[in-house]
Structure formats: structure tokens, C-alpha cells
Amino acid sequence: MKLILPAQDHFTATAIDLEPTAAELDQIEREMPVISAEVELLDAQIMTIDRSATELDERRIRRARNRVLTARRDLTNRAAAPLTGGAA
């Protein structure tokens, strides 16, 4: 029987891989409204796991979904917008 083991070098983080780059941090910062909205939606859904949803719960979930959609739309629009400025 032949054992299949991963090569340790491929899965061990090096000193370079320990910290996110400036570009990765900028991307996280741009996506933070979406992340926050998704966490809020998840919180609203978790509250209704062990009980039936009340009208207030349904409204909270619906509003959280709308916030997620709005945040995703805004992020997409910002990414699609051409950068202005520069030499004229």
C-alpha cells in the first residue's frame, strides 16, 4: 500500500506568507461593507434557527438581505467605474 502524503514544503507558510500584502489589505478594506452586511444577515438567520421566525425576524432578514445586495452593488459599481484624474 502506498501512502499519499503532502509535501511539507508546499503547505508550510514561510515568513513572507505570514502577513497580508498592502494590496490584500486594500482589497479587504474595499470589501468591508459587503462583509459587514453578510455578517449581519448571518446573525439574523442564526437567530431563527431553533424557533419559527416571527414577523419581526422576517423583516430583519429581509432588510439584511437588502443591505447585502446594496453593498455588493456599490462594490461592483466602484470596481467598474473608470478612474478619473491624471494628466489632462
N, C-alpha and C. Protein backbone atom coordinates (compact mmCIF):
# COMPACT_ATOMS: atom_id res chain seq x y z
N MET A 1 0.84 -1.17 0.00
CA MET A 1 0.00 0.00 0.00
C MET A 1 0.89 1.24 0.00
N LYS A 2 0.56 2.17 -0.86
CA LYS A 2 1.36 3.37 -0.99
C LYS A 2 0.66 4.53 -0.27
N LEU A 3 1.37 5.20 0.63
CA LEU A 3 0.82 6.34 1.36
C LEU A 3 0.90 7.59 0.50
N ILE A 4 -0.16 8.35 0.53
CA ILE A 4 -0.17 9.62 -0.18
C ILE A 4 -0.10 10.72 0.87
N LEU A 5 1.03 11.37 0.94
CA LEU A 5 1.24 12.44 1.91
C LEU A 5 1.61 13.71 1.18
N PRO A 6 1.14 14.86 1.66
CA PRO A 6 1.52 16.10 1.00
C PRO A 6 2.98 16.44 1.28
N ALA A 7 3.58 17.07 0.33
CA ALA A 7 4.94 17.54 0.53
C ALA A 7 4.88 18.70 1.51
N GLN A 8 5.60 18.62 2.56
CA GLN A 8 5.52 19.61 3.64
C GLN A 8 5.89 21.01 3.15
N ASP A 9 6.82 21.11 2.22
CA ASP A 9 7.24 22.41 1.74
C ASP A 9 6.11 23.20 1.09
N HIS A 10 5.20 22.51 0.45
CA HIS A 10 4.12 23.20 -0.25
C HIS A 10 3.05 23.74 0.69
N PHE A 11 2.93 23.21 1.88
CA PHE A 11 1.85 23.60 2.77
C PHE A 11 2.33 24.32 4.02
N THR A 12 3.61 24.55 4.15
CA THR A 12 4.15 25.25 5.30
C THR A 12 4.34 26.71 4.92
N ALA A 13 3.78 27.60 5.74
CA ALA A 13 3.90 29.02 5.46
C ALA A 13 5.33 29.48 5.71
N THR A 14 5.80 30.32 4.83
CA THR A 14 7.11 30.90 5.02
C THR A 14 6.95 32.27 5.67
N ALA A 15 8.05 32.89 6.02
CA ALA A 15 7.99 34.20 6.67
C ALA A 15 7.32 35.22 5.76
N ILE A 16 7.45 35.07 4.46
CA ILE A 16 6.84 36.01 3.52
C ILE A 16 5.32 35.88 3.52
N ASP A 17 4.81 34.67 3.70
CA ASP A 17 3.38 34.41 3.61
C ASP A 17 2.60 34.72 4.88
N LEU A 18 3.26 35.11 5.95
CA LEU A 18 2.57 35.28 7.21
C LEU A 18 1.69 36.53 7.27
N GLU A 19 2.07 37.58 6.60
CA GLU A 19 1.33 38.84 6.67
C GLU A 19 0.70 39.14 5.31
N PRO A 20 -0.49 39.75 5.32
CA PRO A 20 -1.10 40.13 4.05
C PRO A 20 -0.34 41.31 3.44
N THR A 21 -0.37 41.38 2.15
CA THR A 21 0.29 42.48 1.46
C THR A 21 -0.58 43.73 1.55
N ALA A 22 -0.01 44.85 1.17
CA ALA A 22 -0.76 46.10 1.19
C ALA A 22 -1.94 46.04 0.22
N ALA A 23 -1.75 45.40 -0.91
CA ALA A 23 -2.84 45.26 -1.88
C ALA A 23 -3.97 44.41 -1.32
N GLU A 24 -3.63 43.35 -0.61
CA GLU A 24 -4.66 42.50 0.01
C GLU A 24 -5.41 43.26 1.09
N LEU A 25 -4.70 44.05 1.88
CA LEU A 25 -5.36 44.85 2.91
C LEU A 25 -6.28 45.90 2.29
N ASP A 26 -5.86 46.50 1.18
CA ASP A 26 -6.71 47.46 0.49
C ASP A 26 -7.98 46.80 -0.04
N GLN A 27 -7.83 45.60 -0.58
CA GLN A 27 -9.00 44.87 -1.10
C GLN A 27 -9.97 44.52 0.03
N ILE A 28 -9.44 44.10 1.16
CA ILE A 28 -10.29 43.79 2.31
C ILE A 28 -11.03 45.05 2.76
N GLU A 29 -10.33 46.17 2.79
CA GLU A 29 -10.94 47.43 3.19
C GLU A 29 -12.07 47.82 2.24
N ARG A 30 -11.86 47.62 0.92
CA ARG A 30 -12.91 47.93 -0.06
C ARG A 30 -14.12 47.00 0.11
N GLU A 31 -13.88 45.75 0.49
CA GLU A 31 -14.96 44.78 0.62
C GLU A 31 -15.60 44.77 2.01
N MET A 32 -15.11 45.56 2.94
CA MET A 32 -15.61 45.54 4.30
C MET A 32 -17.11 45.83 4.42
N PRO A 33 -17.71 46.75 3.65
CA PRO A 33 -19.16 46.93 3.74
C PRO A 33 -19.93 45.66 3.37
N VAL A 34 -19.46 44.94 2.37
CA VAL A 34 -20.11 43.68 1.97
C VAL A 34 -19.95 42.64 3.08
N ILE A 35 -18.76 42.55 3.63
CA ILE A 35 -18.50 41.58 4.69
C ILE A 35 -19.39 41.87 5.89
N SER A 36 -19.48 43.13 6.29
CA SER A 36 -20.31 43.51 7.44
C SER A 36 -21.78 43.20 7.19
N ALA A 37 -22.25 43.48 5.98
CA ALA A 37 -23.65 43.21 5.65
C ALA A 37 -23.93 41.71 5.66
N GLU A 38 -22.99 40.92 5.16
CA GLU A 38 -23.18 39.47 5.17
C GLU A 38 -23.17 38.90 6.58
N VAL A 39 -22.34 39.46 7.46
CA VAL A 39 -22.32 39.03 8.86
C VAL A 39 -23.65 39.37 9.53
N GLU A 40 -24.18 40.54 9.23
CA GLU A 40 -25.47 40.95 9.80
C GLU A 40 -26.59 40.02 9.32
N LEU A 41 -26.56 39.65 8.05
CA LEU A 41 -27.55 38.71 7.52
C LEU A 41 -27.42 37.36 8.20
N LEU A 42 -26.22 36.89 8.36
CA LEU A 42 -25.99 35.61 9.02
C LEU A 42 -26.49 35.65 10.46
N ASP A 43 -26.24 36.73 11.17
CA ASP A 43 -26.73 36.87 12.54
C ASP A 43 -28.26 36.80 12.59
N ALA A 44 -28.90 37.48 11.63
CA ALA A 44 -30.37 37.47 11.60
C ALA A 44 -30.89 36.06 11.31
N GLN A 45 -30.20 35.32 10.45
CA GLN A 45 -30.64 33.97 10.13
C GLN A 45 -30.38 33.01 11.29
N ILE A 46 -29.28 33.20 11.99
CA ILE A 46 -28.95 32.32 13.12
C ILE A 46 -29.98 32.47 14.23
N MET A 47 -30.51 33.67 14.41
CA MET A 47 -31.49 33.88 15.48
C MET A 47 -32.76 33.06 15.27
N THR A 48 -33.03 32.66 14.04
CA THR A 48 -34.27 31.93 13.77
C THR A 48 -34.04 30.44 13.56
N ILE A 49 -32.85 29.94 13.86
CA ILE A 49 -32.57 28.53 13.62
C ILE A 49 -33.41 27.62 14.50
N ASP A 50 -33.49 27.92 15.78
CA ASP A 50 -34.15 27.00 16.71
C ASP A 50 -35.58 27.38 17.04
N ARG A 51 -36.14 28.32 16.32
CA ARG A 51 -37.54 28.70 16.55
C ARG A 51 -38.13 29.20 15.24
N SER A 52 -39.41 29.24 15.20
CA SER A 52 -40.04 29.75 13.99
C SER A 52 -39.87 31.27 13.94
N ALA A 53 -39.71 31.77 12.74
CA ALA A 53 -39.46 33.20 12.56
C ALA A 53 -40.74 33.99 12.78
N THR A 54 -40.61 35.05 13.53
CA THR A 54 -41.74 35.96 13.73
C THR A 54 -41.75 36.98 12.60
N GLU A 55 -42.75 37.80 12.59
CA GLU A 55 -42.82 38.85 11.56
C GLU A 55 -41.63 39.79 11.68
N LEU A 56 -41.22 40.09 12.89
CA LEU A 56 -40.06 40.94 13.11
C LEU A 56 -38.78 40.28 12.59
N ASP A 57 -38.64 38.98 12.82
CA ASP A 57 -37.47 38.25 12.31
C ASP A 57 -37.43 38.27 10.79
N GLU A 58 -38.58 38.04 10.17
CA GLU A 58 -38.63 38.05 8.71
C GLU A 58 -38.26 39.42 8.15
N ARG A 59 -38.72 40.46 8.82
CA ARG A 59 -38.39 41.82 8.39
C ARG A 59 -36.89 42.09 8.56
N ARG A 60 -36.32 41.62 9.67
CA ARG A 60 -34.89 41.80 9.93
C ARG A 60 -34.06 41.08 8.87
N ILE A 61 -34.46 39.87 8.52
CA ILE A 61 -33.74 39.11 7.49
C ILE A 61 -33.87 39.78 6.13
N ARG A 62 -35.06 40.24 5.81
CA ARG A 62 -35.29 40.90 4.51
C ARG A 62 -34.44 42.18 4.41
N ARG A 63 -34.39 42.96 5.47
CA ARG A 63 -33.59 44.18 5.46
C ARG A 63 -32.10 43.86 5.36
N ALA A 64 -31.68 42.82 6.04
CA ALA A 64 -30.27 42.42 5.97
C ALA A 64 -29.92 41.96 4.56
N ARG A 65 -30.82 41.21 3.91
CA ARG A 65 -30.57 40.80 2.52
C ARG A 65 -30.46 42.00 1.60
N ASN A 66 -31.33 42.99 1.83
CA ASN A 66 -31.27 44.20 1.01
C ASN A 66 -29.95 44.95 1.22
N ARG A 67 -29.46 44.97 2.46
CA ARG A 67 -28.18 45.62 2.73
C ARG A 67 -27.03 44.89 2.01
N VAL A 68 -27.10 43.56 1.98
CA VAL A 68 -26.07 42.79 1.28
C VAL A 68 -26.11 43.12 -0.21
N LEU A 69 -27.29 43.14 -0.78
CA LEU A 69 -27.42 43.44 -2.21
C LEU A 69 -26.93 44.86 -2.52
N THR A 70 -27.26 45.81 -1.66
CA THR A 70 -26.82 47.19 -1.85
C THR A 70 -25.30 47.30 -1.75
N ALA A 71 -24.72 46.63 -0.76
CA ALA A 71 -23.27 46.68 -0.59
C ALA A 71 -22.56 46.02 -1.77
N ARG A 72 -23.10 44.91 -2.25
CA ARG A 72 -22.49 44.25 -3.42
C ARG A 72 -22.61 45.12 -4.66
N ARG A 73 -23.76 45.75 -4.84
CA ARG A 73 -23.95 46.65 -5.98
C ARG A 73 -22.96 47.81 -5.93
N ASP A 74 -22.82 48.42 -4.76
CA ASP A 74 -21.90 49.54 -4.62
C ASP A 74 -20.46 49.12 -4.88
N LEU A 75 -20.08 47.95 -4.39
CA LEU A 75 -18.72 47.46 -4.63
C LEU A 75 -18.49 47.20 -6.11
N THR A 76 -19.46 46.62 -6.78
CA THR A 76 -19.35 46.35 -8.21
C THR A 76 -19.28 47.64 -9.00
N ASN A 77 -20.09 48.62 -8.63
CA ASN A 77 -20.08 49.89 -9.34
C ASN A 77 -18.76 50.63 -9.14
N ARG A 78 -18.20 50.54 -7.93
CA ARG A 78 -16.90 51.17 -7.69
C ARG A 78 -15.80 50.50 -8.50
N ALA A 79 -15.88 49.18 -8.62
CA ALA A 79 -14.86 48.46 -9.38
C ALA A 79 -14.98 48.72 -10.87
N ALA A 80 -16.19 48.95 -11.34
CA ALA A 80 -16.42 49.17 -12.77
C ALA A 80 -16.20 50.62 -13.18
N ALA A 81 -16.24 51.54 -12.22
CA ALA A 81 -16.09 52.96 -12.55
C ALA A 81 -14.67 53.25 -12.99
N PRO A 82 -14.51 53.98 -14.08
CA PRO A 82 -13.14 54.32 -14.51
C PRO A 82 -12.52 55.30 -13.54
N LEU A 83 -11.23 55.19 -13.37
CA LEU A 83 -10.53 56.11 -12.50
C LEU A 83 -10.42 57.46 -13.22
N THR A 84 -10.76 58.52 -12.52
CA THR A 84 -10.69 59.85 -13.11
C THR A 84 -9.43 60.54 -12.63
N GLY A 85 -9.07 61.58 -13.31
CA GLY A 85 -7.89 62.33 -12.92
C GLY A 85 -6.73 62.01 -13.82
N GLY A 86 -5.57 62.38 -13.39
CA GLY A 86 -4.39 62.14 -14.19
C GLY A 86 -4.06 63.34 -15.06
N ALA A 87 -3.15 63.16 -15.96
CA ALA A 87 -2.73 64.25 -16.84
C ALA A 87 -3.81 64.57 -17.85
N ALA A 88 -4.04 65.86 -18.05
CA ALA A 88 -5.08 66.27 -18.98
C ALA A 88 -4.48 66.79 -20.26
